[in-house]
N, C-alpha and C. Protein backbone atom coordinates (compact mmCIF):
# COMPACT_ATOMS: atom_id res chain seq x y z
N UNK A 1 -9.25 2.00 -21.53
CA UNK A 1 -7.88 2.47 -21.38
C UNK A 1 -7.19 1.61 -20.32
N UNK A 2 -5.97 1.23 -20.58
CA UNK A 2 -5.20 0.41 -19.64
C UNK A 2 -4.86 1.22 -18.40
N UNK A 3 -4.66 0.50 -17.28
CA UNK A 3 -4.43 1.16 -16.00
C UNK A 3 -3.23 2.10 -16.04
N UNK A 4 -2.09 1.64 -16.54
CA UNK A 4 -0.89 2.47 -16.58
C UNK A 4 -1.09 3.75 -17.36
N UNK A 5 -1.74 3.63 -18.50
CA UNK A 5 -2.01 4.83 -19.32
C UNK A 5 -3.01 5.74 -18.64
N UNK A 6 -4.01 5.15 -18.01
CA UNK A 6 -5.02 5.94 -17.30
C UNK A 6 -4.37 6.72 -16.15
N UNK A 7 -3.51 6.05 -15.39
CA UNK A 7 -2.82 6.71 -14.28
C UNK A 7 -1.92 7.83 -14.80
N UNK A 8 -1.14 7.55 -15.84
CA UNK A 8 -0.27 8.57 -16.41
C UNK A 8 -1.06 9.77 -16.89
N UNK A 9 -2.17 9.51 -17.53
CA UNK A 9 -3.03 10.58 -18.04
C UNK A 9 -3.57 11.44 -16.90
N UNK A 10 -4.05 10.80 -15.85
CA UNK A 10 -4.59 11.53 -14.69
C UNK A 10 -3.51 12.39 -14.03
N UNK A 11 -2.33 11.83 -13.86
CA UNK A 11 -1.24 12.58 -13.23
C UNK A 11 -0.86 13.77 -14.10
N UNK A 12 -0.77 13.52 -15.41
CA UNK A 12 -0.39 14.59 -16.34
C UNK A 12 -1.39 15.73 -16.31
N UNK A 13 -2.68 15.42 -16.18
CA UNK A 13 -3.72 16.44 -16.15
C UNK A 13 -3.75 17.21 -14.84
N UNK A 14 -3.52 16.51 -13.74
CA UNK A 14 -3.71 17.14 -12.43
C UNK A 14 -2.42 17.61 -11.78
N UNK A 15 -1.40 16.77 -11.78
CA UNK A 15 -0.15 17.11 -11.08
C UNK A 15 1.06 16.69 -11.91
N UNK A 16 1.34 17.39 -13.00
CA UNK A 16 2.45 16.96 -13.87
C UNK A 16 3.81 16.95 -13.18
N UNK A 17 3.99 17.78 -12.15
CA UNK A 17 5.28 17.80 -11.44
C UNK A 17 5.50 16.54 -10.62
N UNK A 18 4.47 15.74 -10.42
CA UNK A 18 4.58 14.49 -9.67
C UNK A 18 4.81 13.28 -10.59
N UNK A 19 4.86 13.51 -11.88
CA UNK A 19 4.94 12.45 -12.88
C UNK A 19 6.02 11.41 -12.59
N UNK A 20 7.21 11.86 -12.25
CA UNK A 20 8.31 10.92 -12.03
C UNK A 20 8.35 10.35 -10.61
N UNK A 21 7.37 10.66 -9.80
CA UNK A 21 7.33 10.18 -8.41
C UNK A 21 6.51 8.90 -8.25
N UNK A 22 5.72 8.56 -9.25
CA UNK A 22 4.88 7.37 -9.17
C UNK A 22 5.61 6.16 -9.72
N UNK A 23 5.09 4.98 -9.43
CA UNK A 23 5.69 3.74 -9.89
C UNK A 23 5.75 3.71 -11.41
N UNK A 24 6.82 3.15 -11.92
CA UNK A 24 6.98 3.00 -13.36
C UNK A 24 6.34 1.68 -13.78
N UNK A 25 5.02 1.73 -13.99
CA UNK A 25 4.28 0.51 -14.34
C UNK A 25 4.79 -0.10 -15.64
N UNK A 26 5.16 0.74 -16.58
CA UNK A 26 5.62 0.24 -17.87
C UNK A 26 6.90 -0.59 -17.71
N UNK A 27 7.86 -0.07 -16.96
CA UNK A 27 9.11 -0.80 -16.73
C UNK A 27 8.87 -2.07 -15.92
N UNK A 28 8.03 -1.97 -14.89
CA UNK A 28 7.73 -3.15 -14.08
C UNK A 28 7.05 -4.23 -14.93
N UNK A 29 6.16 -3.81 -15.80
CA UNK A 29 5.45 -4.76 -16.66
C UNK A 29 6.42 -5.44 -17.62
N UNK A 30 7.37 -4.69 -18.17
CA UNK A 30 8.39 -5.27 -19.06
C UNK A 30 9.19 -6.34 -18.32
N UNK A 31 9.64 -6.00 -17.11
CA UNK A 31 10.43 -6.96 -16.32
C UNK A 31 9.60 -8.19 -15.97
N UNK A 32 8.35 -7.98 -15.65
CA UNK A 32 7.47 -9.09 -15.28
C UNK A 32 7.26 -10.03 -16.47
N UNK A 33 7.15 -9.47 -17.66
CA UNK A 33 6.98 -10.30 -18.86
C UNK A 33 8.22 -11.13 -19.15
N UNK A 34 9.39 -10.68 -18.69
CA UNK A 34 10.63 -11.42 -18.91
C UNK A 34 10.74 -12.65 -18.03
N UNK A 35 9.93 -12.73 -16.99
CA UNK A 35 9.98 -13.89 -16.10
C UNK A 35 9.36 -15.08 -16.80
N UNK A 36 10.02 -16.22 -16.69
CA UNK A 36 9.47 -17.44 -17.28
C UNK A 36 8.41 -18.00 -16.35
N UNK A 37 7.25 -18.35 -16.90
CA UNK A 37 6.21 -18.94 -16.03
C UNK A 37 6.66 -20.32 -15.56
N UNK A 38 6.23 -20.69 -14.36
CA UNK A 38 6.57 -22.00 -13.81
C UNK A 38 5.91 -23.07 -14.66
N UNK A 39 6.61 -24.17 -14.88
CA UNK A 39 6.06 -25.27 -15.67
C UNK A 39 4.88 -25.88 -14.93
N UNK A 40 3.83 -26.20 -15.66
CA UNK A 40 2.62 -26.75 -15.04
C UNK A 40 2.86 -28.11 -14.42
N UNK A 41 3.81 -28.88 -14.96
CA UNK A 41 4.07 -30.22 -14.44
C UNK A 41 5.04 -30.21 -13.27
N UNK A 42 5.56 -29.08 -12.93
CA UNK A 42 6.52 -28.96 -11.83
C UNK A 42 5.79 -29.07 -10.50
N UNK A 43 6.11 -30.11 -9.73
CA UNK A 43 5.42 -30.34 -8.46
C UNK A 43 6.01 -29.56 -7.30
N UNK A 44 7.15 -28.94 -7.53
CA UNK A 44 7.77 -28.18 -6.44
C UNK A 44 6.97 -26.93 -6.15
N UNK A 45 6.92 -26.52 -4.88
CA UNK A 45 6.23 -25.26 -4.57
C UNK A 45 6.99 -24.08 -5.18
N UNK A 46 6.25 -23.06 -5.51
CA UNK A 46 6.85 -21.85 -6.07
C UNK A 46 7.75 -21.20 -5.03
N UNK A 47 8.76 -20.49 -5.51
CA UNK A 47 9.63 -19.77 -4.60
C UNK A 47 8.83 -18.67 -3.92
N UNK A 48 9.01 -18.55 -2.65
CA UNK A 48 8.32 -17.51 -1.91
C UNK A 48 9.36 -16.68 -1.18
N UNK A 49 9.18 -15.39 -1.21
CA UNK A 49 10.05 -14.50 -0.45
C UNK A 49 9.52 -14.42 0.96
N UNK A 50 10.41 -14.39 1.90
CA UNK A 50 10.01 -14.15 3.28
C UNK A 50 10.99 -13.16 3.86
N UNK A 51 10.53 -12.41 4.81
CA UNK A 51 11.39 -11.42 5.46
C UNK A 51 12.01 -12.07 6.68
N UNK A 52 13.32 -12.02 6.74
CA UNK A 52 14.03 -12.53 7.90
C UNK A 52 13.83 -11.53 9.02
N UNK A 53 13.25 -11.98 10.12
CA UNK A 53 12.89 -11.06 11.20
C UNK A 53 14.10 -10.41 11.87
N UNK A 54 15.26 -10.98 11.68
CA UNK A 54 16.45 -10.43 12.32
C UNK A 54 16.90 -9.11 11.75
N UNK A 55 17.14 -9.08 10.44
CA UNK A 55 17.70 -7.85 9.87
C UNK A 55 16.88 -7.29 8.71
N UNK A 56 15.76 -7.91 8.38
CA UNK A 56 14.90 -7.37 7.33
C UNK A 56 15.28 -7.76 5.93
N UNK A 57 16.36 -8.55 5.76
CA UNK A 57 16.75 -8.98 4.43
C UNK A 57 15.79 -10.04 3.92
N UNK A 58 15.44 -9.95 2.65
CA UNK A 58 14.57 -10.95 2.05
C UNK A 58 15.40 -12.16 1.65
N UNK A 59 14.86 -13.32 1.88
CA UNK A 59 15.51 -14.56 1.45
C UNK A 59 14.46 -15.44 0.80
N UNK A 60 14.92 -16.39 0.00
CA UNK A 60 13.97 -17.29 -0.64
C UNK A 60 13.91 -18.60 0.11
N UNK A 61 12.75 -19.24 0.07
CA UNK A 61 12.58 -20.56 0.68
C UNK A 61 13.20 -21.64 -0.17
N UNK A 62 13.23 -21.48 -1.47
CA UNK A 62 13.64 -22.56 -2.36
C UNK A 62 14.82 -22.15 -3.22
N UNK A 63 15.91 -21.74 -2.64
CA UNK A 63 17.11 -21.43 -3.39
C UNK A 63 17.16 -20.01 -3.89
N UNK A 64 18.04 -19.82 -4.88
CA UNK A 64 18.28 -18.49 -5.43
C UNK A 64 17.28 -18.13 -6.52
N UNK A 65 17.10 -16.85 -6.71
CA UNK A 65 16.22 -16.36 -7.77
C UNK A 65 16.99 -16.31 -9.08
N UNK A 66 16.26 -16.37 -10.18
CA UNK A 66 16.88 -16.19 -11.49
C UNK A 66 17.26 -14.71 -11.63
N UNK A 67 18.08 -14.42 -12.65
CA UNK A 67 18.48 -13.04 -12.89
C UNK A 67 17.26 -12.17 -13.18
N UNK A 68 16.31 -12.71 -13.95
CA UNK A 68 15.11 -11.95 -14.29
C UNK A 68 14.28 -11.65 -13.05
N UNK A 69 14.15 -12.65 -12.16
CA UNK A 69 13.41 -12.44 -10.92
C UNK A 69 14.10 -11.40 -10.05
N UNK A 70 15.41 -11.50 -9.99
CA UNK A 70 16.19 -10.55 -9.20
C UNK A 70 16.07 -9.13 -9.77
N UNK A 71 16.14 -9.02 -11.09
CA UNK A 71 16.00 -7.71 -11.74
C UNK A 71 14.63 -7.09 -11.44
N UNK A 72 13.58 -7.92 -11.55
CA UNK A 72 12.23 -7.43 -11.28
C UNK A 72 12.11 -6.99 -9.83
N UNK A 73 12.59 -7.83 -8.93
CA UNK A 73 12.51 -7.52 -7.50
C UNK A 73 13.27 -6.23 -7.17
N UNK A 74 14.46 -6.07 -7.73
CA UNK A 74 15.24 -4.86 -7.48
C UNK A 74 14.53 -3.61 -8.00
N UNK A 75 13.98 -3.71 -9.21
CA UNK A 75 13.24 -2.58 -9.77
C UNK A 75 12.03 -2.25 -8.91
N UNK A 76 11.30 -3.28 -8.51
CA UNK A 76 10.11 -3.06 -7.67
C UNK A 76 10.49 -2.41 -6.35
N UNK A 77 11.54 -2.90 -5.70
CA UNK A 77 11.98 -2.31 -4.44
C UNK A 77 12.39 -0.86 -4.62
N UNK A 78 13.12 -0.57 -5.70
CA UNK A 78 13.55 0.81 -5.97
C UNK A 78 12.35 1.72 -6.24
N UNK A 79 11.40 1.23 -7.01
CA UNK A 79 10.20 2.02 -7.31
C UNK A 79 9.38 2.27 -6.05
N UNK A 80 9.23 1.25 -5.22
CA UNK A 80 8.48 1.43 -3.98
C UNK A 80 9.18 2.39 -3.03
N UNK A 81 10.50 2.32 -2.98
CA UNK A 81 11.25 3.24 -2.12
C UNK A 81 11.09 4.68 -2.63
N UNK A 82 11.18 4.87 -3.94
CA UNK A 82 10.99 6.20 -4.54
C UNK A 82 9.61 6.74 -4.20
N UNK A 83 8.61 5.91 -4.38
CA UNK A 83 7.22 6.26 -4.12
C UNK A 83 7.02 6.62 -2.65
N UNK A 84 7.53 5.78 -1.77
CA UNK A 84 7.39 6.01 -0.33
C UNK A 84 8.12 7.28 0.11
N UNK A 85 9.33 7.48 -0.37
CA UNK A 85 10.09 8.68 0.00
C UNK A 85 9.36 9.95 -0.42
N UNK A 86 8.75 9.92 -1.59
CA UNK A 86 8.00 11.07 -2.07
C UNK A 86 6.84 11.39 -1.13
N UNK A 87 6.09 10.38 -0.75
CA UNK A 87 4.94 10.63 0.12
C UNK A 87 5.35 11.01 1.54
N UNK A 88 6.45 10.48 2.02
CA UNK A 88 6.95 10.90 3.34
C UNK A 88 7.34 12.37 3.28
N UNK A 89 8.00 12.75 2.19
CA UNK A 89 8.39 14.16 2.00
C UNK A 89 7.16 15.06 1.95
N UNK A 90 6.16 14.66 1.19
CA UNK A 90 4.93 15.46 1.10
C UNK A 90 4.22 15.53 2.45
N UNK A 91 4.20 14.43 3.17
CA UNK A 91 3.57 14.42 4.49
C UNK A 91 4.26 15.42 5.41
N UNK A 92 5.59 15.44 5.38
CA UNK A 92 6.34 16.39 6.21
C UNK A 92 6.01 17.83 5.83
N UNK A 93 5.93 18.09 4.52
CA UNK A 93 5.59 19.44 4.07
C UNK A 93 4.22 19.87 4.60
N UNK A 94 3.25 18.97 4.52
CA UNK A 94 1.89 19.31 4.96
C UNK A 94 1.79 19.42 6.48
N UNK A 95 2.57 18.67 7.20
CA UNK A 95 2.59 18.80 8.66
C UNK A 95 3.14 20.17 9.04
N UNK A 96 4.20 20.59 8.37
CA UNK A 96 4.78 21.91 8.63
C UNK A 96 3.76 23.00 8.28
N UNK A 97 3.09 22.86 7.14
CA UNK A 97 2.09 23.86 6.76
C UNK A 97 0.94 23.91 7.76
N UNK A 98 0.52 22.76 8.25
CA UNK A 98 -0.55 22.70 9.25
C UNK A 98 -0.13 23.43 10.52
N UNK A 99 1.11 23.22 10.95
CA UNK A 99 1.59 23.89 12.16
C UNK A 99 1.63 25.40 11.96
N UNK A 100 2.02 25.83 10.78
CA UNK A 100 2.06 27.27 10.48
C UNK A 100 0.65 27.84 10.53
N UNK A 101 -0.29 27.17 9.89
CA UNK A 101 -1.68 27.66 9.87
C UNK A 101 -2.32 27.57 11.25
N UNK A 102 -1.96 26.58 12.02
CA UNK A 102 -2.52 26.42 13.37
C UNK A 102 -2.03 27.51 14.31
N UNK A 103 -0.85 28.03 14.05
CA UNK A 103 -0.30 29.06 14.93
C UNK A 103 -0.80 30.46 14.58
N UNK A 104 -1.51 30.60 13.50
CA UNK A 104 -2.02 31.92 13.09
C UNK A 104 -3.25 32.28 13.87
């Protein structure tokens, strides 16, 4: 069984209410397939993202990204933010529950 299907199946069996909180592997995979592979004869280094230490904005070393690369990156950032926000929320809930149980 493929990873995405296996993950979806596990979530559906154990925590169906969390289904929309995990990364959308299917959508990310579709976007990734839309990216054109770099030509083998191209001697230029691949574009690399780096984080600008000043304000946290990502910039490329070798010019602008293609629309497909930008779409993939935006989807990935949105999915990671969704995922992270969910776990921060759950962590806060469990910290509150721990404090309640600790005070009993």
